[in-house]
């Protein structure tokens, strides 16, 4: 019987209060630390024109379009009139500087046109696609004043992507 009384007395003592002070102190320190050390990422959106299958008739006069075909060993630059340039890899890297020079020359001869296509072979890396698109969309050209920073010009900003033939 003594055991029973002791057992009942323990139960009737009531539940202890939960002390949240330590946890709240941890949160007060941890939340600002996490906010200060968080890495904020910048998201960039590039608008693309994807091929469509429209049921209408083909236009009578084809529009001017620049195409860059990215192959494993070279870049091919074409326009509506035919092949403009073939740029082989230099030291294992694509010749983006040469491509940009050709694209600037095409833009100077067709200033009102904005359409371009990037066609890729199946095993081309994503980074190469982005670099070709950057070359097609804009370029930094030297300013007229000798001490001025370079001027960014728009080239062919309406870029479509697809598979190389």
N, C-alpha and C. Protein backbone atom coordinates (compact mmCIF):
# COMPACT_ATOMS: atom_id res chain seq x y z
N UNK A 1 0.79 -1.19 0.00
CA UNK A 1 0.00 0.00 0.00
C UNK A 1 0.84 1.27 0.00
N UNK A 2 1.92 1.20 0.58
CA UNK A 2 2.78 2.37 0.63
C UNK A 2 3.22 2.75 -0.79
N UNK A 3 3.45 1.76 -1.54
CA UNK A 3 3.86 2.02 -2.91
C UNK A 3 2.78 2.76 -3.69
N UNK A 4 1.56 2.36 -3.48
CA UNK A 4 0.48 3.01 -4.20
C UNK A 4 0.35 4.48 -3.84
N UNK A 5 0.46 4.78 -2.58
CA UNK A 5 0.34 6.17 -2.17
C UNK A 5 1.47 7.01 -2.78
N UNK A 6 2.66 6.46 -2.77
CA UNK A 6 3.79 7.20 -3.34
C UNK A 6 3.59 7.41 -4.84
N UNK A 7 3.06 6.41 -5.49
CA UNK A 7 2.80 6.51 -6.91
C UNK A 7 1.74 7.58 -7.22
N UNK A 8 0.70 7.59 -6.43
CA UNK A 8 -0.35 8.59 -6.64
C UNK A 8 0.15 10.00 -6.34
N UNK A 9 0.97 10.12 -5.34
CA UNK A 9 1.48 11.44 -4.99
C UNK A 9 2.33 12.00 -6.13
N UNK A 10 3.09 11.17 -6.79
CA UNK A 10 3.93 11.63 -7.88
C UNK A 10 3.09 12.13 -9.04
N UNK A 11 2.02 11.48 -9.30
CA UNK A 11 1.15 11.88 -10.41
C UNK A 11 0.40 13.16 -10.09
N UNK A 12 0.02 13.34 -8.96
CA UNK A 12 -0.77 14.50 -8.63
C UNK A 12 0.08 15.76 -8.47
N UNK A 13 1.38 15.64 -8.60
CA UNK A 13 2.25 16.80 -8.45
C UNK A 13 2.08 17.79 -9.60
N UNK A 14 1.57 17.38 -10.76
CA UNK A 14 1.34 18.29 -11.88
C UNK A 14 2.50 18.22 -12.88
N UNK A 15 2.24 18.68 -14.10
CA UNK A 15 3.26 18.67 -15.15
C UNK A 15 4.19 19.87 -14.98
N UNK A 16 5.49 19.68 -15.21
CA UNK A 16 6.41 20.83 -15.09
C UNK A 16 6.23 21.76 -16.30
N UNK A 17 6.49 23.03 -16.10
CA UNK A 17 6.42 24.00 -17.19
C UNK A 17 7.61 23.81 -18.13
N UNK A 18 7.36 24.05 -19.41
CA UNK A 18 8.41 23.92 -20.42
C UNK A 18 9.16 25.25 -20.53
N UNK A 19 10.48 25.22 -20.34
CA UNK A 19 11.29 26.44 -20.36
C UNK A 19 11.80 26.65 -21.79
N UNK A 20 11.32 27.69 -22.44
CA UNK A 20 11.67 27.99 -23.84
C UNK A 20 12.77 29.06 -23.94
N UNK A 21 13.30 29.52 -22.85
CA UNK A 21 14.27 30.61 -22.86
C UNK A 21 15.52 30.25 -23.66
N UNK A 22 16.05 29.08 -23.46
CA UNK A 22 17.26 28.68 -24.16
C UNK A 22 17.03 28.59 -25.66
N UNK A 23 15.90 28.03 -26.03
CA UNK A 23 15.58 27.90 -27.45
C UNK A 23 15.40 29.27 -28.11
N UNK A 24 14.72 30.17 -27.44
CA UNK A 24 14.52 31.51 -27.98
C UNK A 24 15.85 32.27 -28.08
N UNK A 25 16.74 32.09 -27.13
CA UNK A 25 18.06 32.72 -27.23
C UNK A 25 18.82 32.21 -28.46
N UNK A 26 18.71 30.92 -28.72
CA UNK A 26 19.35 30.34 -29.90
C UNK A 26 18.78 30.94 -31.19
N UNK A 27 17.47 31.09 -31.26
CA UNK A 27 16.83 31.65 -32.45
C UNK A 27 17.21 33.12 -32.65
N UNK A 28 17.33 33.87 -31.57
CA UNK A 28 17.70 35.28 -31.67
C UNK A 28 19.09 35.42 -32.29
N UNK A 29 19.97 34.51 -32.02
CA UNK A 29 21.32 34.57 -32.57
C UNK A 29 21.37 33.94 -33.96
N UNK A 30 20.67 32.84 -34.15
CA UNK A 30 20.77 32.06 -35.38
C UNK A 30 20.10 32.75 -36.58
N UNK A 31 18.95 33.33 -36.41
CA UNK A 31 18.22 33.94 -37.53
C UNK A 31 19.01 35.09 -38.16
N UNK A 32 19.51 36.05 -37.41
CA UNK A 32 20.32 37.10 -38.07
C UNK A 32 21.58 36.55 -38.73
N UNK A 33 22.22 35.55 -38.09
CA UNK A 33 23.41 34.95 -38.69
C UNK A 33 23.09 34.32 -40.04
N UNK A 34 22.01 33.59 -40.13
CA UNK A 34 21.64 32.96 -41.40
C UNK A 34 21.25 34.00 -42.45
N UNK A 35 20.59 35.07 -42.05
CA UNK A 35 20.23 36.11 -43.00
C UNK A 35 21.45 36.86 -43.53
N UNK A 36 22.43 37.07 -42.69
CA UNK A 36 23.63 37.78 -43.12
C UNK A 36 24.48 36.93 -44.04
N UNK A 37 24.57 35.64 -43.76
CA UNK A 37 25.44 34.77 -44.56
C UNK A 37 24.74 34.15 -45.76
N UNK A 38 23.48 34.43 -45.96
CA UNK A 38 22.76 33.85 -47.10
C UNK A 38 23.32 34.40 -48.40
N UNK A 39 23.40 33.55 -49.39
CA UNK A 39 23.86 33.96 -50.71
C UNK A 39 22.62 34.24 -51.55
N UNK A 40 22.51 35.47 -52.00
CA UNK A 40 21.37 35.85 -52.80
C UNK A 40 21.73 35.68 -54.26
N UNK A 41 20.95 34.91 -54.97
CA UNK A 41 21.25 34.64 -56.38
C UNK A 41 20.48 35.61 -57.27
N UNK A 42 21.09 35.91 -58.43
CA UNK A 42 20.46 36.79 -59.40
C UNK A 42 19.96 35.93 -60.54
N UNK A 43 18.73 36.08 -60.89
CA UNK A 43 18.14 35.29 -61.96
C UNK A 43 18.05 36.16 -63.20
N UNK A 44 18.58 35.64 -64.30
CA UNK A 44 18.54 36.34 -65.57
C UNK A 44 17.64 35.57 -66.52
N UNK A 45 16.79 36.27 -67.20
CA UNK A 45 15.87 35.63 -68.14
C UNK A 45 16.25 36.04 -69.54
N UNK A 46 16.41 35.06 -70.41
CA UNK A 46 16.70 35.32 -71.81
C UNK A 46 15.48 34.87 -72.61
N UNK A 47 14.93 35.78 -73.38
CA UNK A 47 13.77 35.43 -74.20
C UNK A 47 14.24 34.74 -75.47
N UNK A 48 13.60 33.62 -75.79
CA UNK A 48 13.94 32.85 -76.98
C UNK A 48 12.73 32.70 -77.87
N UNK A 49 13.00 32.56 -79.16
CA UNK A 49 11.95 32.24 -80.11
C UNK A 49 12.11 30.78 -80.47
N UNK A 50 11.12 29.99 -80.17
CA UNK A 50 11.17 28.58 -80.50
C UNK A 50 10.42 28.33 -81.80
N UNK A 51 10.86 27.36 -82.58
CA UNK A 51 10.18 27.10 -83.85
C UNK A 51 8.71 26.73 -83.63
N UNK A 52 7.85 27.21 -84.51
CA UNK A 52 6.44 26.90 -84.44
C UNK A 52 6.00 26.21 -85.73
N UNK A 53 4.90 25.50 -85.64
CA UNK A 53 4.34 24.87 -86.83
C UNK A 53 3.02 25.56 -87.13
N UNK A 54 3.11 26.60 -87.92
CA UNK A 54 1.92 27.35 -88.28
C UNK A 54 1.35 26.77 -89.57
N UNK A 55 0.05 26.68 -89.65
CA UNK A 55 -0.61 26.09 -90.80
C UNK A 55 -0.76 27.04 -91.97
N UNK A 56 -0.36 28.30 -91.82
CA UNK A 56 -0.52 29.28 -92.88
C UNK A 56 0.48 29.08 -94.01
N UNK A 57 0.30 29.85 -95.06
CA UNK A 57 1.20 29.77 -96.20
C UNK A 57 2.53 30.43 -95.86
N UNK A 58 3.56 30.00 -96.55
CA UNK A 58 4.90 30.56 -96.32
C UNK A 58 4.94 31.99 -96.87
N UNK A 59 5.72 32.86 -96.25
CA UNK A 59 5.79 34.23 -96.73
C UNK A 59 6.43 34.27 -98.12
N UNK A 60 6.01 35.22 -98.92
CA UNK A 60 6.49 35.32 -100.30
C UNK A 60 7.97 35.69 -100.33
N UNK A 61 8.39 36.60 -99.48
CA UNK A 61 9.77 37.02 -99.46
C UNK A 61 10.41 36.58 -98.14
N UNK A 62 11.44 35.71 -98.17
CA UNK A 62 12.04 35.26 -96.91
C UNK A 62 12.76 36.41 -96.21
N UNK A 63 12.62 36.46 -94.91
CA UNK A 63 13.26 37.50 -94.12
C UNK A 63 14.74 37.16 -93.93
N UNK A 64 15.54 38.19 -93.71
CA UNK A 64 16.96 38.00 -93.48
C UNK A 64 17.16 37.37 -92.10
N UNK A 65 18.00 36.35 -92.03
CA UNK A 65 18.23 35.67 -90.76
C UNK A 65 19.69 35.23 -90.71
N UNK A 66 20.30 35.43 -89.57
CA UNK A 66 21.66 34.97 -89.31
C UNK A 66 21.57 33.65 -88.57
N UNK A 67 22.38 32.67 -88.98
CA UNK A 67 22.41 31.37 -88.32
C UNK A 67 23.83 31.03 -87.92
N UNK A 68 23.98 30.53 -86.70
CA UNK A 68 25.27 30.03 -86.24
C UNK A 68 25.07 28.54 -85.93
N UNK A 69 25.82 27.71 -86.64
CA UNK A 69 25.77 26.27 -86.42
C UNK A 69 26.98 25.91 -85.57
N UNK A 70 26.74 25.37 -84.37
CA UNK A 70 27.81 25.00 -83.45
C UNK A 70 28.08 23.51 -83.64
N UNK A 71 29.25 23.21 -84.19
CA UNK A 71 29.67 21.83 -84.41
C UNK A 71 30.78 21.50 -83.41
N UNK A 72 31.13 20.23 -83.32
CA UNK A 72 32.15 19.79 -82.37
C UNK A 72 33.50 20.47 -82.62
N UNK A 73 33.84 20.71 -83.89
CA UNK A 73 35.17 21.21 -84.22
C UNK A 73 35.19 22.63 -84.79
N UNK A 74 34.02 23.25 -84.95
CA UNK A 74 34.00 24.58 -85.58
C UNK A 74 32.66 25.28 -85.36
N UNK A 75 32.66 26.56 -85.71
CA UNK A 75 31.44 27.36 -85.77
C UNK A 75 31.21 27.72 -87.23
N UNK A 76 29.98 27.61 -87.68
CA UNK A 76 29.63 28.01 -89.04
C UNK A 76 28.64 29.16 -88.96
N UNK A 77 28.98 30.25 -89.63
CA UNK A 77 28.11 31.43 -89.66
C UNK A 77 27.48 31.51 -91.04
N UNK A 78 26.14 31.52 -91.05
CA UNK A 78 25.40 31.60 -92.31
C UNK A 78 24.40 32.73 -92.22
N UNK A 79 24.03 33.28 -93.37
CA UNK A 79 22.91 34.21 -93.41
C UNK A 79 21.96 33.73 -94.50
N UNK A 80 20.95 34.49 -94.81
CA UNK A 80 19.96 34.06 -95.79
C UNK A 80 20.56 33.88 -97.18
N UNK A 81 21.70 34.50 -97.44
CA UNK A 81 22.33 34.42 -98.75
C UNK A 81 23.28 33.23 -98.87
N UNK A 82 23.61 32.58 -97.78
CA UNK A 82 24.53 31.44 -97.81
C UNK A 82 25.58 31.54 -96.73
N UNK A 83 26.63 30.72 -96.85
CA UNK A 83 27.66 30.65 -95.82
C UNK A 83 28.50 31.92 -95.82
N UNK A 84 28.71 32.48 -94.63
CA UNK A 84 29.51 33.68 -94.48
C UNK A 84 30.92 33.31 -94.03
N UNK A 85 31.03 32.44 -93.01
CA UNK A 85 32.35 32.10 -92.48
C UNK A 85 32.31 30.76 -91.78
N UNK A 86 33.46 30.08 -91.79
CA UNK A 86 33.67 28.88 -90.99
C UNK A 86 34.83 29.20 -90.05
N UNK A 87 34.58 29.06 -88.76
CA UNK A 87 35.57 29.40 -87.75
C UNK A 87 35.99 28.14 -87.00
N UNK A 88 37.15 27.57 -87.33
CA UNK A 88 37.59 26.37 -86.60
C UNK A 88 38.00 26.73 -85.17
N UNK A 89 38.06 25.71 -84.33
CA UNK A 89 38.49 25.92 -82.95
C UNK A 89 39.95 26.37 -82.93
N UNK A 90 40.27 27.26 -81.99
CA UNK A 90 41.63 27.74 -81.80
C UNK A 90 42.10 27.25 -80.43
N UNK A 91 43.13 26.43 -80.43
CA UNK A 91 43.66 25.83 -79.18
C UNK A 91 42.56 25.10 -78.40
N UNK A 92 41.68 24.42 -79.09
CA UNK A 92 40.62 23.65 -78.45
C UNK A 92 39.42 24.46 -78.00
N UNK A 93 39.40 25.75 -78.27
CA UNK A 93 38.30 26.62 -77.87
C UNK A 93 37.66 27.25 -79.10
N UNK A 94 36.36 27.51 -79.01
CA UNK A 94 35.66 28.17 -80.10
C UNK A 94 36.16 29.61 -80.25
N UNK A 95 36.19 30.10 -81.48
CA UNK A 95 36.68 31.45 -81.78
C UNK A 95 35.52 32.44 -81.68
N UNK A 96 35.17 32.82 -80.44
CA UNK A 96 34.06 33.74 -80.23
C UNK A 96 34.41 35.17 -80.67
N UNK A 97 35.68 35.54 -80.57
CA UNK A 97 36.10 36.88 -81.01
C UNK A 97 35.95 37.01 -82.53
N UNK A 98 36.34 35.98 -83.26
CA UNK A 98 36.16 36.00 -84.72
C UNK A 98 34.70 36.00 -85.10
N UNK A 99 33.89 35.22 -84.36
CA UNK A 99 32.45 35.20 -84.62
C UNK A 99 31.85 36.58 -84.39
N UNK A 100 32.26 37.23 -83.32
CA UNK A 100 31.71 38.55 -83.02
C UNK A 100 32.07 39.57 -84.11
N UNK A 101 33.29 39.49 -84.64
CA UNK A 101 33.68 40.41 -85.71
C UNK A 101 32.81 40.21 -86.95
N UNK A 102 32.53 38.96 -87.31
CA UNK A 102 31.67 38.68 -88.47
C UNK A 102 30.23 39.13 -88.21
N UNK A 103 29.74 38.90 -86.99
CA UNK A 103 28.36 39.28 -86.66
C UNK A 103 28.20 40.81 -86.69
N UNK A 104 29.20 41.53 -86.21
CA UNK A 104 29.14 42.99 -86.25
C UNK A 104 29.11 43.47 -87.70
N UNK A 105 29.91 42.84 -88.56
CA UNK A 105 29.91 43.22 -89.98
C UNK A 105 28.54 42.94 -90.61
N UNK A 106 27.92 41.80 -90.26
CA UNK A 106 26.59 41.50 -90.80
C UNK A 106 25.56 42.51 -90.31
N UNK A 107 25.66 42.92 -89.05
CA UNK A 107 24.71 43.89 -88.50
C UNK A 107 24.88 45.25 -89.18
N UNK A 108 26.10 45.63 -89.51
CA UNK A 108 26.33 46.90 -90.19
C UNK A 108 25.72 46.89 -91.59
N UNK A 109 25.73 45.72 -92.25
CA UNK A 109 25.14 45.66 -93.59
C UNK A 109 23.62 45.47 -93.55
N UNK A 110 23.08 45.01 -92.43
CA UNK A 110 21.62 44.83 -92.27
C UNK A 110 21.20 45.40 -90.91
N UNK A 111 21.19 46.71 -90.74
CA UNK A 111 20.93 47.29 -89.41
C UNK A 111 19.51 47.11 -88.89
N UNK A 112 18.54 46.87 -89.77
CA UNK A 112 17.16 46.76 -89.31
C UNK A 112 16.77 45.33 -88.93
N UNK A 113 17.62 44.37 -89.16
CA UNK A 113 17.28 42.97 -88.90
C UNK A 113 17.69 42.58 -87.48
N UNK A 114 16.87 41.74 -86.85
CA UNK A 114 17.13 41.29 -85.47
C UNK A 114 17.07 39.78 -85.30
N UNK A 115 16.75 39.03 -86.35
CA UNK A 115 16.54 37.59 -86.22
C UNK A 115 17.84 36.81 -86.35
N UNK A 116 18.02 35.85 -85.45
CA UNK A 116 19.19 34.97 -85.50
C UNK A 116 18.78 33.60 -84.97
N UNK A 117 19.52 32.58 -85.39
CA UNK A 117 19.29 31.22 -84.92
C UNK A 117 20.61 30.61 -84.49
N UNK A 118 20.55 29.80 -83.45
CA UNK A 118 21.70 29.01 -83.01
C UNK A 118 21.29 27.55 -83.16
N UNK A 119 22.03 26.82 -84.00
CA UNK A 119 21.74 25.41 -84.25
C UNK A 119 22.88 24.59 -83.68
N UNK A 120 22.56 23.59 -82.87
CA UNK A 120 23.56 22.83 -82.13
C UNK A 120 23.58 21.37 -82.54
N UNK A 121 24.79 20.81 -82.58
CA UNK A 121 24.92 19.36 -82.70
C UNK A 121 24.56 18.75 -81.34
N UNK A 122 24.23 17.46 -81.29
CA UNK A 122 23.71 16.87 -80.05
C UNK A 122 24.61 16.95 -78.81
N UNK A 123 25.91 16.85 -78.93
CA UNK A 123 26.77 16.76 -77.74
C UNK A 123 27.42 18.09 -77.36
N UNK A 124 26.89 19.20 -77.78
CA UNK A 124 27.47 20.52 -77.47
C UNK A 124 27.07 20.91 -76.05
N UNK A 125 28.02 21.48 -75.31
CA UNK A 125 27.75 21.89 -73.93
C UNK A 125 26.85 23.10 -73.88
N UNK A 126 26.09 23.19 -72.81
CA UNK A 126 25.15 24.29 -72.60
C UNK A 126 25.88 25.64 -72.52
N UNK A 127 27.05 25.65 -71.91
CA UNK A 127 27.81 26.88 -71.78
C UNK A 127 28.18 27.46 -73.14
N UNK A 128 28.45 26.61 -74.11
CA UNK A 128 28.78 27.09 -75.46
C UNK A 128 27.55 27.73 -76.11
N UNK A 129 26.38 27.17 -75.87
CA UNK A 129 25.15 27.78 -76.39
C UNK A 129 24.98 29.19 -75.83
N UNK A 130 25.16 29.36 -74.54
CA UNK A 130 25.00 30.66 -73.90
C UNK A 130 26.03 31.66 -74.43
N UNK A 131 27.27 31.21 -74.62
CA UNK A 131 28.30 32.11 -75.13
C UNK A 131 28.01 32.56 -76.56
N UNK A 132 27.52 31.65 -77.40
CA UNK A 132 27.15 32.02 -78.78
C UNK A 132 25.98 32.99 -78.76
N UNK A 133 24.99 32.75 -77.90
CA UNK A 133 23.85 33.67 -77.81
C UNK A 133 24.30 35.05 -77.34
N UNK A 134 25.24 35.11 -76.40
CA UNK A 134 25.75 36.40 -75.93
C UNK A 134 26.44 37.15 -77.07
N UNK A 135 27.21 36.43 -77.89
CA UNK A 135 27.89 37.08 -79.02
C UNK A 135 26.87 37.61 -80.01
N UNK A 136 25.80 36.86 -80.26
CA UNK A 136 24.79 37.28 -81.23
C UNK A 136 23.96 38.46 -80.74
N UNK A 137 23.71 38.56 -79.45
CA UNK A 137 22.80 39.56 -78.92
C UNK A 137 23.42 40.95 -78.79
N UNK A 138 24.67 41.04 -78.37
CA UNK A 138 25.27 42.36 -78.17
C UNK A 138 26.79 42.28 -78.25
N UNK A 139 27.41 43.46 -78.37
CA UNK A 139 28.87 43.54 -78.43
C UNK A 139 29.32 44.84 -77.81
N UNK A 140 30.52 44.83 -77.25
CA UNK A 140 31.15 46.05 -76.74
C UNK A 140 32.11 46.55 -77.80
N UNK A 141 31.87 47.77 -78.26
CA UNK A 141 32.75 48.39 -79.26
C UNK A 141 33.43 49.60 -78.62
N UNK A 142 34.64 49.92 -79.08
CA UNK A 142 35.34 51.07 -78.50
C UNK A 142 34.55 52.36 -78.72
N UNK A 143 34.59 53.22 -77.73
CA UNK A 143 33.91 54.52 -77.82
C UNK A 143 34.73 55.45 -78.72
N UNK A 144 34.09 56.52 -79.17
CA UNK A 144 34.76 57.49 -80.04
C UNK A 144 35.82 58.27 -79.28
N UNK A 145 35.56 58.59 -78.04
CA UNK A 145 36.54 59.31 -77.22
C UNK A 145 37.58 58.30 -76.71
N UNK A 146 38.83 58.68 -76.66
CA UNK A 146 39.87 57.72 -76.28
C UNK A 146 39.79 57.23 -74.83
N UNK A 147 39.33 58.07 -73.90
CA UNK A 147 39.28 57.68 -72.49
C UNK A 147 37.92 57.15 -72.07
N UNK A 148 36.95 57.11 -72.97
CA UNK A 148 35.59 56.68 -72.62
C UNK A 148 35.53 55.16 -72.56
N UNK A 149 34.64 54.63 -71.74
CA UNK A 149 34.48 53.16 -71.69
C UNK A 149 33.83 52.65 -72.97
N UNK A 150 33.97 51.35 -73.26
CA UNK A 150 33.36 50.80 -74.47
C UNK A 150 31.84 50.94 -74.45
N UNK A 151 31.27 51.01 -75.64
CA UNK A 151 29.83 51.18 -75.79
C UNK A 151 29.23 49.82 -76.18
N UNK A 152 28.17 49.43 -75.50
CA UNK A 152 27.49 48.17 -75.81
C UNK A 152 26.43 48.44 -76.88
N UNK A 153 26.51 47.67 -77.98
CA UNK A 153 25.53 47.81 -79.06
C UNK A 153 24.72 46.53 -79.17
N UNK A 154 23.47 46.68 -79.59
CA UNK A 154 22.61 45.51 -79.81
C UNK A 154 22.85 44.99 -81.22
N UNK A 155 22.91 43.67 -81.33
CA UNK A 155 23.12 43.06 -82.64
C UNK A 155 21.84 42.35 -83.07
N UNK A 156 21.80 41.05 -82.98
CA UNK A 156 20.62 40.27 -83.36
C UNK A 156 19.98 39.74 -82.08
N UNK A 157 19.02 40.49 -81.57
CA UNK A 157 18.47 40.21 -80.25
C UNK A 157 17.37 39.16 -80.22
N UNK A 158 16.76 38.84 -81.36
CA UNK A 158 15.69 37.84 -81.40
C UNK A 158 16.31 36.49 -81.79
N UNK A 159 16.72 35.72 -80.78
CA UNK A 159 17.47 34.49 -81.00
C UNK A 159 16.54 33.27 -80.87
N UNK A 160 16.65 32.37 -81.84
CA UNK A 160 15.93 31.10 -81.80
C UNK A 160 16.98 29.99 -81.72
N UNK A 161 16.62 28.88 -81.08
CA UNK A 161 17.56 27.75 -80.98
C UNK A 161 16.95 26.52 -81.63
N UNK A 162 17.82 25.61 -82.05
CA UNK A 162 17.34 24.39 -82.69
C UNK A 162 18.48 23.39 -82.86
N UNK A 163 18.17 22.27 -83.50
CA UNK A 163 19.15 21.22 -83.78
C UNK A 163 19.84 21.48 -85.10
N UNK A 164 21.13 21.20 -85.15
CA UNK A 164 21.90 21.40 -86.37
C UNK A 164 21.56 20.33 -87.38
N UNK A 165 21.56 20.69 -88.67
CA UNK A 165 21.28 19.69 -89.70
C UNK A 165 22.46 18.75 -89.89
